[in-house]
């Protein structure tokens, strides 16, 4: 996950992988398709972007603070034959340009979501979607929510459409 300040080697939270079945659910909730550009902020091992690229040929950009996870994501994209569709950048999610994104996935703590919210609202175009696992965006009501259970792990998925 990401730091709330400048790029450092100390993220605010540790990486918790989203189970594959839940990845599929969140991609469908976001209505991801072949013309989307999916950004995963705090992308971990890249599983969300790799799944979207495999299923729809979707372009994706992952931002991750942990260099070892970025290397793992790149390696997994090569193994999945989608490295030409996805890019993984080591960096701070608060510094990245979100303008190209049509879908943004978040699995961050509430205070990070709230800090990121103005940036999402300012950078994303009408029709863009935001998906967050387990944590909302404060008083901004989601367009859709669902409860997903994968590997006996329940989660609430929130979706906002701009």
C-alpha atoms as a PDB file:
ATOM      1  CA  UNK A   1       0.000   0.000   0.000  1.00  0.00           C
ATOM      2  CA  UNK A   2       1.017   3.602  -0.045  1.00  0.00           C
ATOM      3  CA  UNK A   3       2.559   6.187   2.165  1.00  0.00           C
ATOM      4  CA  UNK A   4       0.683   9.377   2.877  1.00  0.00           C
ATOM      5  CA  UNK A   5       3.728  11.557   2.259  1.00  0.00           C
ATOM      6  CA  UNK A   6       6.758  11.472   0.004  1.00  0.00           C
ATOM      7  CA  UNK A   7       7.939   8.147  -1.358  1.00  0.00           C
ATOM      8  CA  UNK A   8       9.634   6.284   1.445  1.00  0.00           C
ATOM      9  CA  UNK A   9      10.223   2.679   2.374  1.00  0.00           C
ATOM     10  CA  UNK A  10       7.482   2.772   5.047  1.00  0.00           C
ATOM     11  CA  UNK A  11       3.941   2.373   3.721  1.00  0.00           C
ATOM     12  CA  UNK A  12       1.032   3.389   5.951  1.00  0.00           C
ATOM     13  CA  UNK A  13      -0.467  -0.110   5.731  1.00  0.00           C
ATOM     14  CA  UNK A  14       0.708  -3.551   4.739  1.00  0.00           C
ATOM     15  CA  UNK A  15      -0.272  -5.427   1.613  1.00  0.00           C
ATOM     16  CA  UNK A  16      -3.357  -7.615   1.973  1.00  0.00           C
ATOM     17  CA  UNK A  17      -4.124  -9.506  -1.242  1.00  0.00           C
ATOM     18  CA  UNK A  18      -7.669  -9.520  -2.584  1.00  0.00           C
ATOM     19  CA  UNK A  19      -8.816 -13.095  -3.335  1.00  0.00           C
ATOM     20  CA  UNK A  20      -9.195 -13.926  -7.044  1.00  0.00           C
ATOM     21  CA  UNK A  21     -12.968 -14.478  -6.839  1.00  0.00           C
ATOM     22  CA  UNK A  22     -13.355 -11.057  -5.225  1.00  0.00           C
ATOM     23  CA  UNK A  23     -11.219  -9.484  -7.960  1.00  0.00           C
ATOM     24  CA  UNK A  24     -13.674 -10.843 -10.525  1.00  0.00           C
ATOM     25  CA  UNK A  25     -16.625  -9.435  -8.558  1.00  0.00           C
ATOM     26  CA  UNK A  26     -15.106  -5.970  -8.234  1.00  0.00           C
ATOM     27  CA  UNK A  27     -14.255  -5.844 -11.938  1.00  0.00           C
ATOM     28  CA  UNK A  28     -17.865  -6.663 -12.830  1.00  0.00           C
ATOM     29  CA  UNK A  29     -19.198  -4.178 -10.258  1.00  0.00           C
ATOM     30  CA  UNK A  30     -17.061  -1.500 -11.942  1.00  0.00           C
ATOM     31  CA  UNK A  31     -18.347  -2.621 -15.351  1.00  0.00           C
ATOM     32  CA  UNK A  32     -14.779  -2.864 -16.636  1.00  0.00           C
ATOM     33  CA  UNK A  33     -14.486  -3.407 -20.374  1.00  0.00           C
ATOM     34  CA  UNK A  34     -11.957  -3.403 -23.206  1.00  0.00           C
ATOM     35  CA  UNK A  35     -11.941   0.393 -23.637  1.00  0.00           C
ATOM     36  CA  UNK A  36     -11.216   1.164 -19.977  1.00  0.00           C
ATOM     37  CA  UNK A  37      -7.940   2.240 -18.404  1.00  0.00           C
ATOM     38  CA  UNK A  38      -7.830   0.795 -14.891  1.00  0.00           C
ATOM     39  CA  UNK A  39      -5.643   2.326 -12.203  1.00  0.00           C
ATOM     40  CA  UNK A  40      -4.944   0.346  -9.035  1.00  0.00           C
ATOM     41  CA  UNK A  41      -3.624   2.602  -6.275  1.00  0.00           C
ATOM     42  CA  UNK A  42      -1.595   0.434  -3.935  1.00  0.00           C
ATOM     43  CA  UNK A  43      -1.615  -2.378  -6.484  1.00  0.00           C
ATOM     44  CA  UNK A  44       0.402  -4.933  -4.530  1.00  0.00           C
ATOM     45  CA  UNK A  45       1.190  -7.882  -6.801  1.00  0.00           C
ATOM     46  CA  UNK A  46      -0.907  -6.508  -9.661  1.00  0.00           C
ATOM     47  CA  UNK A  47      -3.673  -9.120  -9.570  1.00  0.00           C
ATOM     48  CA  UNK A  48      -6.538  -6.681 -10.299  1.00  0.00           C
ATOM     49  CA  UNK A  49      -4.885  -5.221 -13.388  1.00  0.00           C
ATOM     50  CA  UNK A  50      -3.675  -8.596 -14.628  1.00  0.00           C
ATOM     51  CA  UNK A  51      -7.186 -10.058 -14.309  1.00  0.00           C
ATOM     52  CA  UNK A  52      -8.738  -7.136 -16.223  1.00  0.00           C
ATOM     53  CA  UNK A  53      -6.096  -7.391 -18.949  1.00  0.00           C
ATOM     54  CA  UNK A  54      -6.590 -11.152 -19.287  1.00  0.00           C
ATOM     55  CA  UNK A  55     -10.402 -10.978 -19.417  1.00  0.00           C
ATOM     56  CA  UNK A  56     -10.973  -7.858 -21.570  1.00  0.00           C
ATOM     57  CA  UNK A  57      -7.586  -6.733 -22.881  1.00  0.00           C
ATOM     58  CA  UNK A  58      -7.943  -3.708 -20.608  1.00  0.00           C
ATOM     59  CA  UNK A  59      -5.040  -1.306 -20.178  1.00  0.00           C
ATOM     60  CA  UNK A  60      -3.895  -0.786 -16.614  1.00  0.00           C
ATOM     61  CA  UNK A  61      -1.521   1.193 -14.422  1.00  0.00           C
ATOM     62  CA  UNK A  62      -0.560   0.088 -10.933  1.00  0.00           C
ATOM     63  CA  UNK A  63       1.042   2.386  -8.401  1.00  0.00           C
ATOM     64  CA  UNK A  64       2.831   0.693  -5.504  1.00  0.00           C
ATOM     65  CA  UNK A  65       5.324   1.928  -2.934  1.00  0.00           C
ATOM     66  CA  UNK A  66       6.964  -1.456  -2.269  1.00  0.00           C
ATOM     67  CA  UNK A  67       9.608  -2.194  -4.912  1.00  0.00           C
ATOM     68  CA  UNK A  68       9.503  -5.950  -4.277  1.00  0.00           C
ATOM     69  CA  UNK A  69       5.760  -5.991  -4.983  1.00  0.00           C
ATOM     70  CA  UNK A  70       6.263  -3.939  -8.154  1.00  0.00           C
ATOM     71  CA  UNK A  71       8.839  -6.497  -9.347  1.00  0.00           C
ATOM     72  CA  UNK A  72       6.445  -9.350  -8.505  1.00  0.00           C
ATOM     73  CA  UNK A  73       3.598  -7.641 -10.378  1.00  0.00           C
ATOM     74  CA  UNK A  74       5.767  -7.147 -13.456  1.00  0.00           C
ATOM     75  CA  UNK A  75       6.884 -10.773 -13.335  1.00  0.00           C
ATOM     76  CA  UNK A  76       3.308 -12.013 -12.993  1.00  0.00           C
ATOM     77  CA  UNK A  77       2.184  -9.825 -15.901  1.00  0.00           C
ATOM     78  CA  UNK A  78       4.885 -11.382 -18.081  1.00  0.00           C
ATOM     79  CA  UNK A  79       3.842 -14.886 -17.002  1.00  0.00           C
ATOM     80  CA  UNK A  80       0.193 -14.042 -17.798  1.00  0.00           C
ATOM     81  CA  UNK A  81       1.157 -12.661 -21.248  1.00  0.00           C
ATOM     82  CA  UNK A  82      -0.304  -9.221 -20.488  1.00  0.00           C
ATOM     83  CA  UNK A  83       2.854  -7.190 -19.832  1.00  0.00           C
ATOM     84  CA  UNK A  84       2.130  -5.179 -22.996  1.00  0.00           C
ATOM     85  CA  UNK A  85      -1.190  -4.046 -21.473  1.00  0.00           C
ATOM     86  CA  UNK A  86      -0.237  -3.201 -17.895  1.00  0.00           C
ATOM     87  CA  UNK A  87       2.381  -0.961 -16.333  1.00  0.00           C
ATOM     88  CA  UNK A  88       3.546  -1.058 -12.723  1.00  0.00           C
ATOM     89  CA  UNK A  89       5.185   2.021 -11.235  1.00  0.00           C
ATOM     90  CA  UNK A  90       6.947   2.311  -7.923  1.00  0.00           C
ATOM     91  CA  UNK A  91       5.759   5.526  -6.371  1.00  0.00           C
ATOM     92  CA  UNK A  92       3.372   7.412  -4.180  1.00  0.00           C
ATOM     93  CA  UNK A  93      -0.297   7.289  -5.164  1.00  0.00           C
ATOM     94  CA  UNK A  94      -0.768  10.913  -4.089  1.00  0.00           C
ATOM     95  CA  UNK A  95       1.709  12.017  -6.753  1.00  0.00           C
ATOM     96  CA  UNK A  96       0.420  10.112  -9.788  1.00  0.00           C
ATOM     97  CA  UNK A  97      -1.565  11.589 -12.678  1.00  0.00           C
ATOM     98  CA  UNK A  98      -5.036  10.031 -12.623  1.00  0.00           C
ATOM     99  CA  UNK A  99      -6.422  11.829 -15.699  1.00  0.00           C
ATOM    100  CA  UNK A 100      -6.120   8.785 -18.037  1.00  0.00           C
ATOM    101  CA  UNK A 101      -8.055   6.495 -15.661  1.00  0.00           C
ATOM    102  CA  UNK A 102     -11.628   5.430 -16.364  1.00  0.00           C
ATOM    103  CA  UNK A 103     -11.679   3.021 -13.396  1.00  0.00           C
ATOM    104  CA  UNK A 104      -9.751   3.357 -10.121  1.00  0.00           C
ATOM    105  CA  UNK A 105      -9.462   0.560  -7.565  1.00  0.00           C
ATOM    106  CA  UNK A 106      -8.659   1.302  -3.912  1.00  0.00           C
ATOM    107  CA  UNK A 107      -8.006  -0.954  -0.964  1.00  0.00           C
ATOM    108  CA  UNK A 108      -6.709   1.656   1.439  1.00  0.00           C
ATOM    109  CA  UNK A 109      -7.498   2.743   4.970  1.00  0.00           C
ATOM    110  CA  UNK A 110     -10.332   5.268   5.493  1.00  0.00           C
ATOM    111  CA  UNK A 111      -8.058   8.249   6.194  1.00  0.00           C
ATOM    112  CA  UNK A 112      -6.155   7.580   2.959  1.00  0.00           C
ATOM    113  CA  UNK A 113      -9.394   7.298   0.959  1.00  0.00           C
ATOM    114  CA  UNK A 114     -10.567  10.620   2.394  1.00  0.00           C
ATOM    115  CA  UNK A 115      -7.262  12.278   1.595  1.00  0.00           C
ATOM    116  CA  UNK A 116      -7.415  10.909  -1.950  1.00  0.00           C
ATOM    117  CA  UNK A 117     -11.069  11.842  -2.582  1.00  0.00           C
ATOM    118  CA  UNK A 118     -10.522  15.476  -3.757  1.00  0.00           C
ATOM    119  CA  UNK A 119      -7.843  14.279  -6.169  1.00  0.00           C
ATOM    120  CA  UNK A 120     -10.170  11.621  -7.595  1.00  0.00           C
ATOM    121  CA  UNK A 121     -12.981  14.148  -8.017  1.00  0.00           C
ATOM    122  CA  UNK A 122     -10.657  16.674  -9.684  1.00  0.00           C
ATOM    123  CA  UNK A 123      -8.797  14.273 -12.016  1.00  0.00           C
ATOM    124  CA  UNK A 124     -11.393  11.773 -13.183  1.00  0.00           C
ATOM    125  CA  UNK A 125     -13.698  12.434 -16.117  1.00  0.00           C
ATOM    126  CA  UNK A 126     -17.500  12.005 -16.090  1.00  0.00           C
ATOM    127  CA  UNK A 127     -18.386   8.330 -16.459  1.00  0.00           C
ATOM    128  CA  UNK A 128     -15.296   7.164 -14.573  1.00  0.00           C
ATOM    129  CA  UNK A 129     -15.782   4.618 -11.818  1.00  0.00           C
ATOM    130  CA  UNK A 130     -14.108   4.198  -8.436  1.00  0.00           C
ATOM    131  CA  UNK A 131     -14.190   0.869  -6.607  1.00  0.00           C
ATOM    132  CA  UNK A 132     -13.113   0.603  -2.983  1.00  0.00           C
ATOM    133  CA  UNK A 133     -12.841  -2.551  -0.959  1.00  0.00           C
ATOM    134  CA  UNK A 134     -14.126  -2.288   2.611  1.00  0.00           C
ATOM    135  CA  UNK A 135     -13.811   1.476   3.070  1.00  0.00           C
ATOM    136  CA  UNK A 136     -16.029   4.251   1.762  1.00  0.00           C
ATOM    137  CA  UNK A 137     -15.244   7.837   0.785  1.00  0.00           C
ATOM    138  CA  UNK A 138     -16.852   9.545   3.756  1.00  0.00           C
ATOM    139  CA  UNK A 139     -20.143  11.305   3.083  1.00  0.00           C
ATOM    140  CA  UNK A 140     -19.932  10.743  -0.693  1.00  0.00           C
ATOM    141  CA  UNK A 141     -22.662   8.120  -1.250  1.00  0.00           C
ATOM    142  CA  UNK A 142     -21.693   5.219  -3.520  1.00  0.00           C
ATOM    143  CA  UNK A 143     -23.665   4.478  -6.678  1.00  0.00           C
ATOM    144  CA  UNK A 144     -23.662   0.754  -5.902  1.00  0.00           C
ATOM    145  CA  UNK A 145     -22.433  -1.531  -3.150  1.00  0.00           C
ATOM    146  CA  UNK A 146     -22.244  -5.273  -2.777  1.00  0.00           C
ATOM    147  CA  UNK A 147     -21.016  -7.794  -0.259  1.00  0.00           C
ATOM    148  CA  UNK A 148     -18.543 -10.293  -1.634  1.00  0.00           C
ATOM    149  CA  UNK A 149     -17.246 -13.392   0.100  1.00  0.00           C
ATOM    150  CA  UNK A 150     -14.170 -15.170  -1.198  1.00  0.00           C
ATOM    151  CA  UNK A 151     -12.081 -17.755   0.610  1.00  0.00           C
ATOM    152  CA  UNK A 152     -14.356 -17.205   3.643  1.00  0.00           C
ATOM    153  CA  UNK A 153     -13.323 -13.544   3.655  1.00  0.00           C
ATOM    154  CA  UNK A 154     -16.292 -11.113   3.484  1.00  0.00           C
ATOM    155  CA  UNK A 155     -15.854  -7.632   2.074  1.00  0.00           C
ATOM    156  CA  UNK A 156     -18.020  -4.685   1.163  1.00  0.00           C
ATOM    157  CA  UNK A 157     -17.323  -3.313  -2.297  1.00  0.00           C
ATOM    158  CA  UNK A 158     -18.283   0.308  -2.968  1.00  0.00           C
ATOM    159  CA  UNK A 159     -18.682   1.777  -6.461  1.00  0.00           C
ATOM    160  CA  UNK A 160     -18.960   5.436  -7.390  1.00  0.00           C
ATOM    161  CA  UNK A 161     -19.710   6.672 -10.901  1.00  0.00           C
ATOM    162  CA  UNK A 162     -18.816  10.247 -11.707  1.00  0.00           C
END
